[in-house]
PDB file of all heavy atoms in Angstrom:
ATOM      1  N   ARG A   1       0.844  -1.186   0.000  1.00  0.00           N
ATOM      2  CA  ARG A   1       0.000   0.003   0.002  1.00  0.00           C
ATOM      3  C   ARG A   1       0.880   1.240   0.000  1.00  0.00           C
ATOM      4  O   ARG A   1       1.772   1.380   0.829  1.00  0.00           O
ATOM      5  CB  ARG A   1      -0.908   0.002   1.239  1.00  0.00           C
ATOM      6  CG  ARG A   1      -2.004  -1.045   1.191  1.00  0.00           C
ATOM      7  CD  ARG A   1      -2.938  -0.968   2.404  1.00  0.00           C
ATOM      8  NE  ARG A   1      -2.232  -1.279   3.647  1.00  0.00           N
ATOM      9  CZ  ARG A   1      -1.939  -0.374   4.580  1.00  0.00           C
ATOM     10  NH1 ARG A   1      -2.302   0.882   4.426  1.00  0.00           N
ATOM     11  NH2 ARG A   1      -1.319  -0.750   5.705  1.00  0.00           N
ATOM     12  N   LEU A   2       0.581   2.148  -0.948  1.00  0.00           N
ATOM     13  CA  LEU A   2       1.284   3.426  -0.998  1.00  0.00           C
ATOM     14  C   LEU A   2       0.433   4.471  -0.294  1.00  0.00           C
ATOM     15  O   LEU A   2      -0.759   4.593  -0.560  1.00  0.00           O
ATOM     16  CB  LEU A   2       1.546   3.868  -2.447  1.00  0.00           C
ATOM     17  CG  LEU A   2       2.694   3.195  -3.185  1.00  0.00           C
ATOM     18  CD1 LEU A   2       2.796   3.769  -4.600  1.00  0.00           C
ATOM     19  CD2 LEU A   2       3.997   3.391  -2.447  1.00  0.00           C
ATOM     20  N   GLN A   3       1.072   5.250   0.589  1.00  0.00           N
ATOM     21  CA  GLN A   3       0.334   6.256   1.337  1.00  0.00           C
ATOM     22  C   GLN A   3       1.120   7.562   1.307  1.00  0.00           C
ATOM     23  O   GLN A   3       2.239   7.631   1.809  1.00  0.00           O
ATOM     24  CB  GLN A   3       0.123   5.793   2.778  1.00  0.00           C
ATOM     25  CG  GLN A   3      -0.679   6.780   3.628  1.00  0.00           C
ATOM     26  CD  GLN A   3      -0.872   6.255   5.047  1.00  0.00           C
ATOM     27  OE1 GLN A   3      -0.717   5.055   5.308  1.00  0.00           O
ATOM     28  NE2 GLN A   3      -1.216   7.162   5.954  1.00  0.00           N
ATOM     29  N   VAL A   4       0.537   8.577   0.675  1.00  0.00           N
ATOM     30  CA  VAL A   4       1.155   9.901   0.627  1.00  0.00           C
ATOM     31  C   VAL A   4       0.397  10.798   1.589  1.00  0.00           C
ATOM     32  O   VAL A   4      -0.809  11.011   1.437  1.00  0.00           O
ATOM     33  CB  VAL A   4       1.125  10.482  -0.798  1.00  0.00           C
ATOM     34  CG1 VAL A   4       1.742  11.876  -0.795  1.00  0.00           C
ATOM     35  CG2 VAL A   4       1.882   9.567  -1.759  1.00  0.00           C
ATOM     36  N   GLU A   5       1.118  11.304   2.589  1.00  0.00           N
ATOM     37  CA  GLU A   5       0.486  12.164   3.565  1.00  0.00           C
ATOM     38  C   GLU A   5       0.091  13.503   2.933  1.00  0.00           C
ATOM     39  O   GLU A   5       0.755  13.987   2.011  1.00  0.00           O
ATOM     40  CB  GLU A   5       1.435  12.435   4.735  1.00  0.00           C
ATOM     41  CG  GLU A   5       1.847  11.188   5.509  1.00  0.00           C
ATOM     42  CD  GLU A   5       0.694  10.600   6.284  1.00  0.00           C
ATOM     43  OE1 GLU A   5      -0.241  11.359   6.629  1.00  0.00           O
ATOM     44  OE2 GLU A   5       0.711   9.371   6.537  1.00  0.00           O
ATOM     45  N   PRO A   6      -1.007  14.109   3.402  1.00  0.00           N
ATOM     46  CA  PRO A   6      -1.394  15.423   2.872  1.00  0.00           C
ATOM     47  C   PRO A   6      -0.291  16.450   3.095  1.00  0.00           C
ATOM     48  O   PRO A   6       0.557  16.308   3.977  1.00  0.00           O
ATOM     49  CB  PRO A   6      -2.648  15.775   3.679  1.00  0.00           C
ATOM     50  CG  PRO A   6      -3.146  14.469   4.212  1.00  0.00           C
ATOM     51  CD  PRO A   6      -1.939  13.613   4.428  1.00  0.00           C
ATOM     52  N   ARG A   7      -0.315  17.478   2.261  1.00  0.00           N
ATOM     53  CA  ARG A   7       0.682  18.540   2.371  1.00  0.00           C
ATOM     54  C   ARG A   7       0.605  19.169   3.760  1.00  0.00           C
ATOM     55  O   ARG A   7      -0.452  19.518   4.251  1.00  0.00           O
ATOM     56  CB  ARG A   7       0.406  19.600   1.292  1.00  0.00           C
ATOM     57  CG  ARG A   7       1.457  20.716   1.256  1.00  0.00           C
ATOM     58  CD  ARG A   7       1.008  21.831   0.323  1.00  0.00           C
ATOM     59  NE  ARG A   7       0.828  21.349  -1.036  1.00  0.00           N
ATOM     60  CZ  ARG A   7       1.756  21.405  -1.977  1.00  0.00           C
ATOM     61  NH1 ARG A   7       2.931  21.924  -1.677  1.00  0.00           N
ATOM     62  NH2 ARG A   7       1.499  20.954  -3.186  1.00  0.00           N
ATOM     63  N   ARG A   8       1.767  19.339   4.376  1.00  0.00           N
ATOM     64  CA  ARG A   8       1.841  19.970   5.690  1.00  0.00           C
ATOM     65  C   ARG A   8       2.725  21.212   5.592  1.00  0.00           C
ATOM     66  O   ARG A   8       3.849  21.145   5.112  1.00  0.00           O
ATOM     67  CB  ARG A   8       2.433  19.018   6.728  1.00  0.00           C
ATOM     68  CG  ARG A   8       1.613  17.763   6.945  1.00  0.00           C
ATOM     69  CD  ARG A   8       2.313  16.837   7.930  1.00  0.00           C
ATOM     70  NE  ARG A   8       1.629  15.580   8.074  1.00  0.00           N
ATOM     71  CZ  ARG A   8       2.082  14.556   8.805  1.00  0.00           C
ATOM     72  NH1 ARG A   8       3.227  14.686   9.444  1.00  0.00           N
ATOM     73  NH2 ARG A   8       1.406  13.429   8.883  1.00  0.00           N
ATOM     74  N   GLY A   9       2.235  22.334   6.018  1.00  0.00           N
ATOM     75  CA  GLY A   9       2.995  23.562   5.940  1.00  0.00           C
ATOM     76  C   GLY A   9       2.559  24.392   4.752  1.00  0.00           C
ATOM     77  O   GLY A   9       2.035  23.894   3.747  1.00  0.00           O
ATOM     78  N   ALA A  10       2.787  25.670   4.864  1.00  0.00           N
ATOM     79  CA  ALA A  10       2.329  26.584   3.822  1.00  0.00           C
ATOM     80  C   ALA A  10       3.148  26.433   2.550  1.00  0.00           C
ATOM     81  O   ALA A  10       2.619  26.594   1.449  1.00  0.00           O
ATOM     82  CB  ALA A  10       2.430  28.022   4.330  1.00  0.00           C
ATOM     83  N   ALA A  11       4.442  26.118   2.651  1.00  0.00           N
ATOM     84  CA  ALA A  11       5.280  26.041   1.459  1.00  0.00           C
ATOM     85  C   ALA A  11       6.196  24.834   1.555  1.00  0.00           C
ATOM     86  O   ALA A  11       6.806  24.581   2.597  1.00  0.00           O
ATOM     87  CB  ALA A  11       6.114  27.314   1.314  1.00  0.00           C
ATOM     88  N   THR A  12       6.252  24.056   0.481  1.00  0.00           N
ATOM     89  CA  THR A  12       7.159  22.901   0.429  1.00  0.00           C
ATOM     90  C   THR A  12       8.118  23.040  -0.752  1.00  0.00           C
ATOM     91  O   THR A  12       8.563  22.058  -1.330  1.00  0.00           O
ATOM     92  CB  THR A  12       6.355  21.600   0.309  1.00  0.00           C
ATOM     93  OG1 THR A  12       5.518  21.669  -0.862  1.00  0.00           O
ATOM     94  CG2 THR A  12       5.517  21.356   1.538  1.00  0.00           C
ATOM     95  N   PHE A  13       8.400  24.283  -1.126  1.00  0.00           N
ATOM     96  CA  PHE A  13       9.290  24.539  -2.254  1.00  0.00           C
ATOM     97  C   PHE A  13      10.732  24.695  -1.762  1.00  0.00           C
ATOM     98  O   PHE A  13      10.996  25.294  -0.719  1.00  0.00           O
ATOM     99  CB  PHE A  13       8.865  25.819  -3.000  1.00  0.00           C
ATOM    100  CG  PHE A  13       7.632  25.651  -3.830  1.00  0.00           C
ATOM    101  CD1 PHE A  13       6.369  25.808  -3.270  1.00  0.00           C
ATOM    102  CD2 PHE A  13       7.735  25.317  -5.165  1.00  0.00           C
ATOM    103  CE1 PHE A  13       5.232  25.658  -4.029  1.00  0.00           C
ATOM    104  CE2 PHE A  13       6.584  25.171  -5.942  1.00  0.00           C
ATOM    105  CZ  PHE A  13       5.326  25.337  -5.373  1.00  0.00           C
ATOM    106  N   VAL A  14      11.659  24.154  -2.558  1.00  0.00           N
ATOM    107  CA  VAL A  14      13.093  24.308  -2.295  1.00  0.00           C
ATOM    108  C   VAL A  14      13.788  24.622  -3.610  1.00  0.00           C
ATOM    109  O   VAL A  14      13.306  24.238  -4.681  1.00  0.00           O
ATOM    110  CB  VAL A  14      13.700  23.023  -1.680  1.00  0.00           C
ATOM    111  CG1 VAL A  14      13.073  22.720  -0.334  1.00  0.00           C
ATOM    112  CG2 VAL A  14      13.582  21.857  -2.645  1.00  0.00           C
ATOM    113  N   PRO A  15      14.918  25.319  -3.587  1.00  0.00           N
ATOM    114  CA  PRO A  15      15.682  25.520  -4.816  1.00  0.00           C
ATOM    115  C   PRO A  15      16.508  24.280  -5.128  1.00  0.00           C
ATOM    116  O   PRO A  15      17.188  23.729  -4.251  1.00  0.00           O
ATOM    117  CB  PRO A  15      16.582  26.712  -4.456  1.00  0.00           C
ATOM    118  CG  PRO A  15      16.759  26.629  -2.983  1.00  0.00           C
ATOM    119  CD  PRO A  15      15.489  26.052  -2.434  1.00  0.00           C
ATOM    120  N   GLY A  16      16.454  23.803  -6.357  1.00  0.00           N
ATOM    121  CA  GLY A  16      17.220  22.610  -6.687  1.00  0.00           C
ATOM    122  C   GLY A  16      16.949  22.098  -8.078  1.00  0.00           C
ATOM    123  O   GLY A  16      16.293  22.730  -8.901  1.00  0.00           O
ATOM    124  N   ASP A  17      17.505  20.905  -8.335  1.00  0.00           N
ATOM    125  CA  ASP A  17      17.327  20.215  -9.610  1.00  0.00           C
ATOM    126  C   ASP A  17      16.214  19.192  -9.422  1.00  0.00           C
ATOM    127  O   ASP A  17      16.367  18.225  -8.672  1.00  0.00           O
ATOM    128  CB  ASP A  17      18.638  19.522 -10.007  1.00  0.00           C
ATOM    129  CG  ASP A  17      18.571  18.902 -11.396  1.00  0.00           C
ATOM    130  OD1 ASP A  17      17.632  18.124 -11.648  1.00  0.00           O
ATOM    131  OD2 ASP A  17      19.471  19.178 -12.214  1.00  0.00           O
ATOM    132  N   GLU A  18      15.094  19.393 -10.098  1.00  0.00           N
ATOM    133  CA  GLU A  18      13.916  18.551  -9.871  1.00  0.00           C
ATOM    134  C   GLU A  18      14.188  17.101 -10.188  1.00  0.00           C
ATOM    135  O   GLU A  18      13.765  16.188  -9.447  1.00  0.00           O
ATOM    136  CB  GLU A  18      12.750  19.080 -10.705  1.00  0.00           C
ATOM    137  CG  GLU A  18      11.455  18.299 -10.464  1.00  0.00           C
ATOM    138  CD  GLU A  18      10.275  18.878 -11.233  1.00  0.00           C
ATOM    139  OE1 GLU A  18      10.520  19.751 -12.103  1.00  0.00           O
ATOM    140  OE2 GLU A  18       9.152  18.470 -10.973  1.00  0.00           O
ATOM    141  N   VAL A  19      14.899  16.835 -11.293  1.00  0.00           N
ATOM    142  CA  VAL A  19      15.162  15.441 -11.669  1.00  0.00           C
ATOM    143  C   VAL A  19      15.994  14.742 -10.618  1.00  0.00           C
ATOM    144  O   VAL A  19      15.694  13.588 -10.223  1.00  0.00           O
ATOM    145  CB  VAL A  19      15.871  15.405 -13.047  1.00  0.00           C
ATOM    146  CG1 VAL A  19      16.277  13.964 -13.389  1.00  0.00           C
ATOM    147  CG2 VAL A  19      14.979  15.968 -14.126  1.00  0.00           C
ATOM    148  N   GLN A  20      17.028  15.408 -10.125  1.00  0.00           N
ATOM    149  CA  GLN A  20      17.884  14.783  -9.116  1.00  0.00           C
ATOM    150  C   GLN A  20      17.113  14.534  -7.817  1.00  0.00           C
ATOM    151  O   GLN A  20      17.252  13.461  -7.206  1.00  0.00           O
ATOM    152  CB  GLN A  20      19.096  15.667  -8.834  1.00  0.00           C
ATOM    153  CG  GLN A  20      20.085  15.741  -9.992  1.00  0.00           C
ATOM    154  CD  GLN A  20      21.306  16.559  -9.657  1.00  0.00           C
ATOM    155  OE1 GLN A  20      21.424  17.095  -8.551  1.00  0.00           O
ATOM    156  NE2 GLN A  20      22.221  16.672 -10.602  1.00  0.00           N
ATOM    157  N   LEU A  21      16.311  15.497  -7.391  1.00  0.00           N
ATOM    158  CA  LEU A  21      15.558  15.305  -6.145  1.00  0.00           C
ATOM    159  C   LEU A  21      14.511  14.217  -6.281  1.00  0.00           C
ATOM    160  O   LEU A  21      14.287  13.429  -5.358  1.00  0.00           O
ATOM    161  CB  LEU A  21      14.921  16.626  -5.717  1.00  0.00           C
ATOM    162  CG  LEU A  21      15.929  17.735  -5.343  1.00  0.00           C
ATOM    163  CD1 LEU A  21      15.196  19.020  -4.988  1.00  0.00           C
ATOM    164  CD2 LEU A  21      16.803  17.295  -4.179  1.00  0.00           C
ATOM    165  N   GLN A  22      13.850  14.138  -7.451  1.00  0.00           N
ATOM    166  CA  GLN A  22      12.908  13.021  -7.679  1.00  0.00           C
ATOM    167  C   GLN A  22      13.654  11.693  -7.670  1.00  0.00           C
ATOM    168  O   GLN A  22      13.124  10.684  -7.194  1.00  0.00           O
ATOM    169  CB  GLN A  22      12.177  13.211  -9.005  1.00  0.00           C
ATOM    170  CG  GLN A  22      11.057  14.248  -8.959  1.00  0.00           C
ATOM    171  CD  GLN A  22      10.259  14.261 -10.239  1.00  0.00           C
ATOM    172  OE1 GLN A  22      10.530  13.529 -11.180  1.00  0.00           O
ATOM    173  NE2 GLN A  22       9.239  15.110 -10.269  1.00  0.00           N
ATOM    174  N   GLN A  23      14.891  11.693  -8.178  1.00  0.00           N
ATOM    175  CA  GLN A  23      15.669  10.468  -8.177  1.00  0.00           C
ATOM    176  C   GLN A  23      15.942  10.007  -6.737  1.00  0.00           C
ATOM    177  O   GLN A  23      15.909   8.817  -6.436  1.00  0.00           O
ATOM    178  CB  GLN A  23      16.990  10.692  -8.924  1.00  0.00           C
ATOM    179  CG  GLN A  23      17.786   9.428  -9.200  1.00  0.00           C
ATOM    180  CD  GLN A  23      17.085   8.552 -10.226  1.00  0.00           C
ATOM    181  OE1 GLN A  23      16.298   9.039 -11.017  1.00  0.00           O
ATOM    182  NE2 GLN A  23      17.382   7.262 -10.201  1.00  0.00           N
ATOM    183  N   VAL A  24      16.226  10.951  -5.838  1.00  0.00           N
ATOM    184  CA  VAL A  24      16.450  10.603  -4.435  1.00  0.00           C
ATOM    185  C   VAL A  24      15.186   9.991  -3.833  1.00  0.00           C
ATOM    186  O   VAL A  24      15.232   8.929  -3.190  1.00  0.00           O
ATOM    187  CB  VAL A  24      16.876  11.852  -3.635  1.00  0.00           C
ATOM    188  CG1 VAL A  24      16.928  11.534  -2.129  1.00  0.00           C
ATOM    189  CG2 VAL A  24      18.226  12.370  -4.108  1.00  0.00           C
ATOM    190  N   ILE A  25      14.048  10.659  -4.049  1.00  0.00           N
ATOM    191  CA  ILE A  25      12.776  10.149  -3.493  1.00  0.00           C
ATOM    192  C   ILE A  25      12.467   8.775  -4.055  1.00  0.00           C
ATOM    193  O   ILE A  25      12.051   7.847  -3.326  1.00  0.00           O
ATOM    194  CB  ILE A  25      11.641  11.131  -3.794  1.00  0.00           C
ATOM    195  CG1 ILE A  25      11.935  12.501  -3.148  1.00  0.00           C
ATOM    196  CG2 ILE A  25      10.303  10.596  -3.292  1.00  0.00           C
ATOM    197  CD1 ILE A  25      10.995  13.609  -3.608  1.00  0.00           C
ATOM    198  N   LEU A  26      12.671   8.610  -5.365  1.00  0.00           N
ATOM    199  CA  LEU A  26      12.394   7.316  -6.009  1.00  0.00           C
ATOM    200  C   LEU A  26      13.284   6.216  -5.452  1.00  0.00           C
ATOM    201  O   LEU A  26      12.841   5.095  -5.201  1.00  0.00           O
ATOM    202  CB  LEU A  26      12.577   7.453  -7.526  1.00  0.00           C
ATOM    203  CG  LEU A  26      12.305   6.202  -8.366  1.00  0.00           C
ATOM    204  CD1 LEU A  26      10.861   5.733  -8.176  1.00  0.00           C
ATOM    205  CD2 LEU A  26      12.598   6.466  -9.835  1.00  0.00           C
ATOM    206  N   ASN A  27      14.576   6.537  -5.248  1.00  0.00           N
ATOM    207  CA  ASN A  27      15.501   5.547  -4.709  1.00  0.00           C
ATOM    208  C   ASN A  27      15.106   5.115  -3.308  1.00  0.00           C
ATOM    209  O   ASN A  27      15.116   3.920  -2.974  1.00  0.00           O
ATOM    210  CB  ASN A  27      16.921   6.104  -4.711  1.00  0.00           C
ATOM    211  CG  ASN A  27      17.942   5.111  -4.201  1.00  0.00           C
ATOM    212  OD1 ASN A  27      18.279   5.114  -3.024  1.00  0.00           O
ATOM    213  ND2 ASN A  27      18.428   4.251  -5.079  1.00  0.00           N
ATOM    214  N   LEU A  28      14.735   6.085  -2.451  1.00  0.00           N
ATOM    215  CA  LEU A  28      14.324   5.754  -1.089  1.00  0.00           C
ATOM    216  C   LEU A  28      13.054   4.916  -1.098  1.00  0.00           C
ATOM    217  O   LEU A  28      12.913   3.964  -0.308  1.00  0.00           O
ATOM    218  CB  LEU A  28      14.126   7.033  -0.272  1.00  0.00           C
ATOM    219  CG  LEU A  28      15.355   7.939  -0.106  1.00  0.00           C
ATOM    220  CD1 LEU A  28      14.986   9.167   0.746  1.00  0.00           C
ATOM    221  CD2 LEU A  28      16.508   7.188   0.532  1.00  0.00           C
ATOM    222  N   ALA A  29      12.133   5.257  -2.000  1.00  0.00           N
ATOM    223  CA  ALA A  29      10.874   4.500  -2.085  1.00  0.00           C
ATOM    224  C   ALA A  29      11.120   3.078  -2.583  1.00  0.00           C
ATOM    225  O   ALA A  29      10.552   2.112  -2.049  1.00  0.00           O
ATOM    226  CB  ALA A  29       9.894   5.237  -2.991  1.00  0.00           C
ATOM    227  N   MET A  30      11.963   2.905  -3.603  1.00  0.00           N
ATOM    228  CA  MET A  30      12.257   1.572  -4.111  1.00  0.00           C
ATOM    229  C   MET A  30      12.942   0.733  -3.048  1.00  0.00           C
ATOM    230  O   MET A  30      12.662  -0.475  -2.902  1.00  0.00           O
ATOM    231  CB  MET A  30      13.134   1.673  -5.351  1.00  0.00           C
ATOM    232  CG  MET A  30      12.402   2.152  -6.596  1.00  0.00           C
ATOM    233  SD  MET A  30      11.067   1.032  -7.117  1.00  0.00           S
ATOM    234  CE  MET A  30      11.980  -0.458  -7.468  1.00  0.00           C
ATOM    235  N   ASN A  31      13.868   1.348  -2.273  1.00  0.00           N
ATOM    236  CA  ASN A  31      14.498   0.611  -1.171  1.00  0.00           C
ATOM    237  C   ASN A  31      13.460   0.163  -0.153  1.00  0.00           C
ATOM    238  O   ASN A  31      13.548  -0.929   0.422  1.00  0.00           O
ATOM    239  CB  ASN A  31      15.555   1.492  -0.488  1.00  0.00           C
ATOM    240  CG  ASN A  31      16.801   1.643  -1.323  1.00  0.00           C
ATOM    241  OD1 ASN A  31      17.007   0.922  -2.285  1.00  0.00           O
ATOM    242  ND2 ASN A  31      17.641   2.621  -0.965  1.00  0.00           N
ATOM    243  N   GLY A  32      12.449   1.037   0.095  1.00  0.00           N
ATOM    244  CA  GLY A  32      11.380   0.670   1.019  1.00  0.00           C
ATOM    245  C   GLY A  32      10.577  -0.514   0.517  1.00  0.00           C
ATOM    246  O   GLY A  32      10.212  -1.416   1.282  1.00  0.00           O
ATOM    247  N   LEU A  33      10.276  -0.520  -0.791  1.00  0.00           N
ATOM    248  CA  LEU A  33       9.557  -1.673  -1.356  1.00  0.00           C
ATOM    249  C   LEU A  33      10.376  -2.946  -1.222  1.00  0.00           C
ATOM    250  O   LEU A  33       9.849  -4.013  -0.872  1.00  0.00           O
ATOM    251  CB  LEU A  33       9.248  -1.401  -2.825  1.00  0.00           C
ATOM    252  CG  LEU A  33       8.263  -0.256  -3.138  1.00  0.00           C
ATOM    253  CD1 LEU A  33       8.059  -0.145  -4.643  1.00  0.00           C
ATOM    254  CD2 LEU A  33       6.937  -0.476  -2.441  1.00  0.00           C
TER     255      LEU A  33
END
């Protein structure tokens, strides 16, 4: 089961490279699976 918590906080924006940061999230999620 995949569970994404609702947005918390007024702003969740950071300066960065979107592809690289998505790669980090994807890697952590795949390790979790």
